[in-house]
């Protein structure tokens, strides 16, 4: 059985554009995740601080 496949090769500019797009997407997602985790940690810290001050 012979496969009749026509291969399309990507040039350097297309590959660089794909890589830059993937890096932008990764940076955007990691920024969102980091900010959410940061707000959760700040909220937990401030909640504990207010509890400690209230109990004193």
Protein backbone atom coordinates (compact mmCIF):
# COMPACT_ATOMS: atom_id res chain seq x y z
CA UNK A 1 0.00 0.00 0.00
CA UNK A 2 1.36 3.35 -1.00
CA UNK A 3 0.26 6.51 0.70
CA UNK A 4 -0.33 9.42 -1.60
CA UNK A 5 0.64 12.17 0.77
CA UNK A 6 1.79 15.57 -0.21
CA UNK A 7 3.97 17.05 2.47
CA UNK A 8 3.88 20.75 3.07
CA UNK A 9 6.96 22.14 4.72
CA UNK A 10 6.88 25.23 6.86
CA UNK A 11 9.36 28.00 6.32
CA UNK A 12 11.35 29.68 9.05
CA UNK A 13 9.02 32.69 9.40
CA UNK A 14 5.94 30.50 9.87
CA UNK A 15 7.71 28.41 12.50
CA UNK A 16 8.90 31.51 14.38
CA UNK A 17 5.37 32.93 14.28
CA UNK A 18 3.95 29.68 15.70
CA UNK A 19 6.56 29.65 18.48
CA UNK A 20 5.93 33.29 19.38
CA UNK A 21 2.19 32.67 19.46
CA UNK A 22 2.67 29.71 21.80
CA UNK A 23 4.95 31.74 24.08
CA UNK A 24 2.43 34.61 24.22
CA UNK A 25 -0.38 32.18 25.07
CA UNK A 26 1.74 30.55 27.79
CA UNK A 27 2.72 33.91 29.31
CA UNK A 28 -0.89 35.10 29.33
CA UNK A 29 -2.12 31.93 31.06
CA UNK A 30 0.71 31.85 33.58
CA UNK A 31 0.11 35.51 34.47
CA UNK A 32 -3.57 34.83 35.13
CA UNK A 33 -2.81 31.75 37.23
CA UNK A 34 -0.12 33.57 39.23
CA UNK A 35 -2.38 36.53 39.95
CA UNK A 36 -5.21 34.27 41.12
CA UNK A 37 -2.88 32.32 43.40
CA UNK A 38 -1.40 35.57 44.70
CA UNK A 39 -4.81 36.98 45.60
CA UNK A 40 -5.74 33.73 47.35
CA UNK A 41 -2.53 33.80 49.40
CA UNK A 42 -2.91 37.48 50.27
CA UNK A 43 -6.52 36.83 51.28
CA UNK A 44 -5.52 33.94 53.50
CA UNK A 45 -2.74 35.94 55.10
CA UNK A 46 -4.94 38.94 55.77
CA UNK A 47 -7.73 36.72 57.13
CA UNK A 48 -5.28 35.09 59.55
CA UNK A 49 -3.85 38.46 60.52
CA UNK A 50 -7.30 39.88 61.26
CA UNK A 51 -8.18 36.78 63.28
CA UNK A 52 -4.98 37.13 65.32
CA UNK A 53 -5.60 40.84 65.94
CA UNK A 54 -9.21 40.18 66.88
CA UNK A 55 -8.22 37.51 69.42
CA UNK A 56 -5.62 39.72 71.12
